[in-house]
Amino acid sequence: MDRETVIQNVINNYGKYGITEEAIIPLIDSGIQQGLSYDLIYLGLKMELCKLAGEEFYCTSSDMARAFGISNAEMSECIREARQELLEAGENPDDYFREVKATRFMI
């Protein structure tokens, strides 16, 4: 992902709530200055904007892997470990992680 894609995705998805380029560009710049990837910046913005809009935040494990610069297998292991930690803490991991079946189409 690059800067323009982050801006375009945020405006397309959250512009209806009054989010403007002028509002998000400083946030993107700040993330870059802190050494974050554009993928991680986008997921962070999406998470916060979902909270503000009263929407549920969701992303795929592949989105998270890309954002953190790790493989899908490594992300799957992180999720497995986090689910176990939540169980041990008496929490329901399904409140944080949802497994969904992939739908594929062939044309």
N, C-alpha and C. Protein backbone atom coordinates (compact mmCIF):
# COMPACT_ATOMS: atom_id res chain seq x y z
N MET A 1 0.86 -1.17 0.00
CA MET A 1 0.00 0.00 0.00
C MET A 1 0.90 1.23 0.00
N ASP A 2 0.43 2.29 -0.62
CA ASP A 2 1.19 3.54 -0.63
C ASP A 2 0.31 4.66 -0.06
N ARG A 3 0.91 5.83 0.03
CA ARG A 3 0.24 6.99 0.64
C ARG A 3 -1.10 7.30 -0.04
N GLU A 4 -1.10 7.35 -1.36
CA GLU A 4 -2.32 7.70 -2.09
C GLU A 4 -3.41 6.65 -1.89
N THR A 5 -3.03 5.39 -1.79
CA THR A 5 -4.02 4.34 -1.57
C THR A 5 -4.63 4.46 -0.18
N VAL A 6 -3.82 4.79 0.82
CA VAL A 6 -4.35 5.00 2.17
C VAL A 6 -5.37 6.13 2.14
N ILE A 7 -4.99 7.25 1.54
CA ILE A 7 -5.88 8.41 1.48
C ILE A 7 -7.17 8.05 0.75
N GLN A 8 -7.03 7.42 -0.40
CA GLN A 8 -8.20 7.05 -1.20
C GLN A 8 -9.13 6.10 -0.43
N ASN A 9 -8.56 5.08 0.20
CA ASN A 9 -9.39 4.12 0.95
C ASN A 9 -10.11 4.78 2.12
N VAL A 10 -9.40 5.62 2.85
CA VAL A 10 -10.03 6.28 4.00
C VAL A 10 -11.15 7.21 3.54
N ILE A 11 -10.88 8.01 2.52
CA ILE A 11 -11.91 8.94 2.03
C ILE A 11 -13.10 8.19 1.46
N ASN A 12 -12.84 7.14 0.69
CA ASN A 12 -13.95 6.35 0.12
C ASN A 12 -14.82 5.71 1.19
N ASN A 13 -14.20 5.24 2.26
CA ASN A 13 -14.94 4.53 3.30
C ASN A 13 -15.49 5.41 4.41
N TYR A 14 -14.82 6.53 4.69
CA TYR A 14 -15.22 7.34 5.84
C TYR A 14 -15.51 8.80 5.49
N GLY A 15 -15.41 9.16 4.23
CA GLY A 15 -15.74 10.52 3.80
C GLY A 15 -17.17 10.88 4.13
N LYS A 16 -18.06 9.89 4.12
CA LYS A 16 -19.47 10.14 4.44
C LYS A 16 -19.66 10.63 5.88
N TYR A 17 -18.62 10.44 6.71
CA TYR A 17 -18.67 10.91 8.10
C TYR A 17 -17.95 12.24 8.27
N GLY A 18 -17.56 12.85 7.16
CA GLY A 18 -16.90 14.14 7.22
C GLY A 18 -15.38 14.07 7.30
N ILE A 19 -14.82 12.88 7.15
CA ILE A 19 -13.37 12.74 7.17
C ILE A 19 -12.81 13.30 5.87
N THR A 20 -11.81 14.16 5.99
CA THR A 20 -11.22 14.81 4.82
C THR A 20 -9.73 14.48 4.72
N GLU A 21 -9.18 14.74 3.53
CA GLU A 21 -7.74 14.55 3.34
C GLU A 21 -6.96 15.41 4.32
N GLU A 22 -7.43 16.64 4.53
CA GLU A 22 -6.74 17.56 5.43
C GLU A 22 -6.67 17.00 6.85
N ALA A 23 -7.65 16.20 7.23
CA ALA A 23 -7.66 15.63 8.58
C ALA A 23 -6.73 14.42 8.70
N ILE A 24 -6.62 13.64 7.63
CA ILE A 24 -5.85 12.39 7.76
C ILE A 24 -4.40 12.49 7.32
N ILE A 25 -4.08 13.45 6.46
CA ILE A 25 -2.69 13.56 5.99
C ILE A 25 -1.70 13.74 7.14
N PRO A 26 -1.97 14.62 8.12
CA PRO A 26 -1.03 14.73 9.24
C PRO A 26 -0.89 13.42 10.03
N LEU A 27 -1.96 12.65 10.12
CA LEU A 27 -1.90 11.37 10.83
C LEU A 27 -1.03 10.38 10.06
N ILE A 28 -1.18 10.37 8.75
CA ILE A 28 -0.35 9.49 7.92
C ILE A 28 1.11 9.90 8.04
N ASP A 29 1.38 11.20 7.93
CA ASP A 29 2.76 11.71 8.04
C ASP A 29 3.37 11.35 9.39
N SER A 30 2.59 11.47 10.44
CA SER A 30 3.08 11.13 11.78
C SER A 30 3.44 9.65 11.87
N GLY A 31 2.59 8.81 11.29
CA GLY A 31 2.88 7.37 11.29
C GLY A 31 4.16 7.04 10.55
N ILE A 32 4.36 7.68 9.41
CA ILE A 32 5.58 7.45 8.62
C ILE A 32 6.80 7.91 9.42
N GLN A 33 6.70 9.06 10.09
CA GLN A 33 7.81 9.56 10.90
C GLN A 33 8.15 8.61 12.04
N GLN A 34 7.15 7.87 12.51
CA GLN A 34 7.36 6.89 13.58
C GLN A 34 7.83 5.53 13.06
N GLY A 35 7.99 5.43 11.74
CA GLY A 35 8.50 4.20 11.15
C GLY A 35 7.45 3.15 10.85
N LEU A 36 6.18 3.54 10.84
CA LEU A 36 5.11 2.59 10.55
C LEU A 36 4.94 2.41 9.05
N SER A 37 4.47 1.24 8.65
CA SER A 37 4.19 1.00 7.24
C SER A 37 2.84 1.61 6.88
N TYR A 38 2.63 1.83 5.59
CA TYR A 38 1.34 2.35 5.15
C TYR A 38 0.20 1.38 5.48
N ASP A 39 0.48 0.08 5.38
CA ASP A 39 -0.54 -0.91 5.73
C ASP A 39 -0.95 -0.80 7.19
N LEU A 40 0.04 -0.62 8.07
CA LEU A 40 -0.25 -0.50 9.50
C LEU A 40 -0.96 0.82 9.80
N ILE A 41 -0.53 1.88 9.14
CA ILE A 41 -1.20 3.18 9.31
C ILE A 41 -2.66 3.07 8.90
N TYR A 42 -2.92 2.43 7.76
CA TYR A 42 -4.30 2.29 7.30
C TYR A 42 -5.15 1.51 8.29
N LEU A 43 -4.63 0.38 8.79
CA LEU A 43 -5.42 -0.40 9.75
C LEU A 43 -5.67 0.38 11.03
N GLY A 44 -4.68 1.15 11.48
CA GLY A 44 -4.86 1.98 12.67
C GLY A 44 -5.92 3.05 12.46
N LEU A 45 -5.86 3.71 11.31
CA LEU A 45 -6.88 4.72 10.99
C LEU A 45 -8.26 4.07 10.89
N LYS A 46 -8.32 2.94 10.22
CA LYS A 46 -9.60 2.24 10.05
C LYS A 46 -10.18 1.85 11.41
N MET A 47 -9.33 1.34 12.31
CA MET A 47 -9.80 0.94 13.63
C MET A 47 -10.39 2.13 14.39
N GLU A 48 -9.69 3.24 14.39
CA GLU A 48 -10.17 4.42 15.12
C GLU A 48 -11.40 5.03 14.47
N LEU A 49 -11.43 5.07 13.15
CA LEU A 49 -12.59 5.64 12.46
C LEU A 49 -13.82 4.75 12.63
N CYS A 50 -13.63 3.46 12.70
CA CYS A 50 -14.76 2.55 12.97
C CYS A 50 -15.35 2.86 14.35
N LYS A 51 -14.48 3.09 15.34
CA LYS A 51 -14.96 3.44 16.68
C LYS A 51 -15.80 4.71 16.63
N LEU A 52 -15.27 5.73 15.95
CA LEU A 52 -15.97 7.01 15.87
C LEU A 52 -17.30 6.89 15.13
N ALA A 53 -17.34 6.01 14.13
CA ALA A 53 -18.55 5.85 13.31
C ALA A 53 -19.52 4.84 13.90
N GLY A 54 -19.12 4.18 14.99
CA GLY A 54 -19.98 3.17 15.58
C GLY A 54 -20.05 1.90 14.75
N GLU A 55 -19.03 1.66 13.95
CA GLU A 55 -18.97 0.46 13.13
C GLU A 55 -18.04 -0.56 13.77
N GLU A 56 -18.24 -1.81 13.42
CA GLU A 56 -17.36 -2.86 13.91
C GLU A 56 -16.09 -2.89 13.06
N PHE A 57 -14.94 -2.93 13.71
CA PHE A 57 -13.67 -3.02 13.00
C PHE A 57 -13.38 -4.48 12.68
N TYR A 58 -13.00 -4.72 11.47
CA TYR A 58 -12.59 -6.07 11.08
C TYR A 58 -11.49 -5.98 10.04
N CYS A 59 -10.66 -6.99 10.03
CA CYS A 59 -9.63 -7.13 9.01
C CYS A 59 -9.26 -8.60 8.95
N THR A 60 -8.56 -8.98 7.91
CA THR A 60 -8.17 -10.37 7.78
C THR A 60 -6.81 -10.59 8.43
N SER A 61 -6.51 -11.85 8.69
CA SER A 61 -5.19 -12.17 9.23
C SER A 61 -4.12 -11.80 8.21
N SER A 62 -4.44 -11.89 6.93
CA SER A 62 -3.48 -11.47 5.89
C SER A 62 -3.23 -9.97 5.93
N ASP A 63 -4.29 -9.18 6.20
CA ASP A 63 -4.12 -7.73 6.37
C ASP A 63 -3.16 -7.45 7.52
N MET A 64 -3.36 -8.15 8.62
CA MET A 64 -2.51 -7.94 9.80
C MET A 64 -1.07 -8.37 9.53
N ALA A 65 -0.91 -9.51 8.87
CA ALA A 65 0.44 -10.00 8.55
C ALA A 65 1.18 -8.97 7.70
N ARG A 66 0.50 -8.46 6.68
CA ARG A 66 1.12 -7.47 5.79
C ARG A 66 1.47 -6.20 6.57
N ALA A 67 0.57 -5.77 7.45
CA ALA A 67 0.79 -4.55 8.22
C ALA A 67 1.99 -4.67 9.15
N PHE A 68 2.20 -5.87 9.70
CA PHE A 68 3.31 -6.06 10.63
C PHE A 68 4.55 -6.66 9.97
N GLY A 69 4.48 -6.88 8.66
CA GLY A 69 5.65 -7.36 7.93
C GLY A 69 6.05 -8.78 8.28
N ILE A 70 5.05 -9.64 8.54
CA ILE A 70 5.34 -11.04 8.85
C ILE A 70 4.54 -11.92 7.89
N SER A 71 4.86 -13.20 7.89
CA SER A 71 4.17 -14.13 7.00
C SER A 71 2.77 -14.46 7.53
N ASN A 72 1.94 -14.97 6.66
CA ASN A 72 0.60 -15.40 7.09
C ASN A 72 0.70 -16.50 8.13
N ALA A 73 1.67 -17.39 7.98
CA ALA A 73 1.85 -18.47 8.95
C ALA A 73 2.23 -17.91 10.32
N GLU A 74 3.11 -16.91 10.33
CA GLU A 74 3.50 -16.28 11.61
C GLU A 74 2.31 -15.58 12.25
N MET A 75 1.49 -14.92 11.45
CA MET A 75 0.31 -14.25 12.00
C MET A 75 -0.67 -15.27 12.54
N SER A 76 -0.85 -16.37 11.85
CA SER A 76 -1.75 -17.42 12.34
C SER A 76 -1.27 -17.94 13.69
N GLU A 77 0.03 -18.08 13.85
CA GLU A 77 0.59 -18.53 15.13
C GLU A 77 0.36 -17.47 16.21
N CYS A 78 0.54 -16.20 15.89
CA CYS A 78 0.28 -15.12 16.86
C CYS A 78 -1.18 -15.15 17.31
N ILE A 79 -2.08 -15.36 16.37
CA ILE A 79 -3.51 -15.42 16.70
C ILE A 79 -3.80 -16.62 17.58
N ARG A 80 -3.21 -17.77 17.23
CA ARG A 80 -3.41 -18.98 18.04
C ARG A 80 -2.94 -18.74 19.47
N GLU A 81 -1.77 -18.13 19.64
CA GLU A 81 -1.24 -17.84 20.97
C GLU A 81 -2.12 -16.84 21.72
N ALA A 82 -2.59 -15.82 21.02
CA ALA A 82 -3.45 -14.81 21.66
C ALA A 82 -4.77 -15.43 22.10
N ARG A 83 -5.33 -16.31 21.27
CA ARG A 83 -6.58 -17.00 21.64
C ARG A 83 -6.37 -17.81 22.92
N GLN A 84 -5.23 -18.50 23.01
CA GLN A 84 -4.94 -19.31 24.19
C GLN A 84 -4.79 -18.42 25.43
N GLU A 85 -4.10 -17.30 25.29
CA GLU A 85 -3.94 -16.37 26.41
C GLU A 85 -5.28 -15.83 26.88
N LEU A 86 -6.17 -15.53 25.95
CA LEU A 86 -7.50 -15.05 26.31
C LEU A 86 -8.29 -16.12 27.06
N LEU A 87 -8.19 -17.35 26.60
CA LEU A 87 -8.87 -18.46 27.30
C LEU A 87 -8.35 -18.58 28.73
N GLU A 88 -7.03 -18.53 28.88
CA GLU A 88 -6.42 -18.65 30.20
C GLU A 88 -6.80 -17.49 31.11
N ALA A 89 -7.11 -16.34 30.52
CA ALA A 89 -7.53 -15.17 31.30
C ALA A 89 -9.04 -15.17 31.55
N GLY A 90 -9.71 -16.22 31.09
CA GLY A 90 -11.15 -16.33 31.32
C GLY A 90 -12.00 -15.53 30.34
N GLU A 91 -11.41 -15.12 29.24
CA GLU A 91 -12.15 -14.36 28.24
C GLU A 91 -12.49 -15.24 27.04
N ASN A 92 -13.46 -14.80 26.27
CA ASN A 92 -13.87 -15.52 25.08
C ASN A 92 -13.07 -15.01 23.88
N PRO A 93 -12.20 -15.83 23.31
CA PRO A 93 -11.41 -15.38 22.17
C PRO A 93 -12.25 -15.02 20.95
N ASP A 94 -13.46 -15.56 20.87
CA ASP A 94 -14.33 -15.24 19.74
C ASP A 94 -14.82 -13.80 19.78
N ASP A 95 -14.66 -13.14 20.94
CA ASP A 95 -14.99 -11.72 21.02
C ASP A 95 -13.93 -10.87 20.30
N TYR A 96 -12.77 -11.45 20.05
CA TYR A 96 -11.66 -10.73 19.44
C TYR A 96 -11.29 -11.26 18.06
N PHE A 97 -11.42 -12.55 17.87
CA PHE A 97 -11.03 -13.20 16.63
C PHE A 97 -12.20 -14.04 16.12
N ARG A 98 -12.51 -13.89 14.86
CA ARG A 98 -13.58 -14.68 14.26
C ARG A 98 -13.02 -15.42 13.06
N GLU A 99 -13.30 -16.69 13.02
CA GLU A 99 -12.90 -17.48 11.86
C GLU A 99 -14.07 -17.52 10.90
N VAL A 100 -13.79 -17.20 9.67
CA VAL A 100 -14.84 -17.22 8.64
C VAL A 100 -14.38 -18.10 7.48
N LYS A 101 -15.34 -18.69 6.83
CA LYS A 101 -15.02 -19.51 5.68
C LYS A 101 -14.79 -18.60 4.48
N ALA A 102 -13.75 -18.91 3.73
CA ALA A 102 -13.45 -18.14 2.53
C ALA A 102 -14.39 -18.57 1.41
N THR A 103 -14.84 -17.60 0.66
CA THR A 103 -15.67 -17.87 -0.51
C THR A 103 -14.85 -17.55 -1.74
N ARG A 104 -14.77 -18.50 -2.63
CA ARG A 104 -13.98 -18.29 -3.84
C ARG A 104 -14.88 -18.46 -5.05
N PHE A 105 -14.64 -17.64 -6.03
CA PHE A 105 -15.40 -17.70 -7.27
C PHE A 105 -14.44 -17.92 -8.43
N MET A 106 -14.86 -18.72 -9.34
CA MET A 106 -14.07 -18.93 -10.56
C MET A 106 -14.89 -18.47 -11.74
N ILE A 107 -14.26 -17.77 -12.63
CA ILE A 107 -14.95 -17.28 -13.83
C ILE A 107 -14.32 -17.92 -15.05
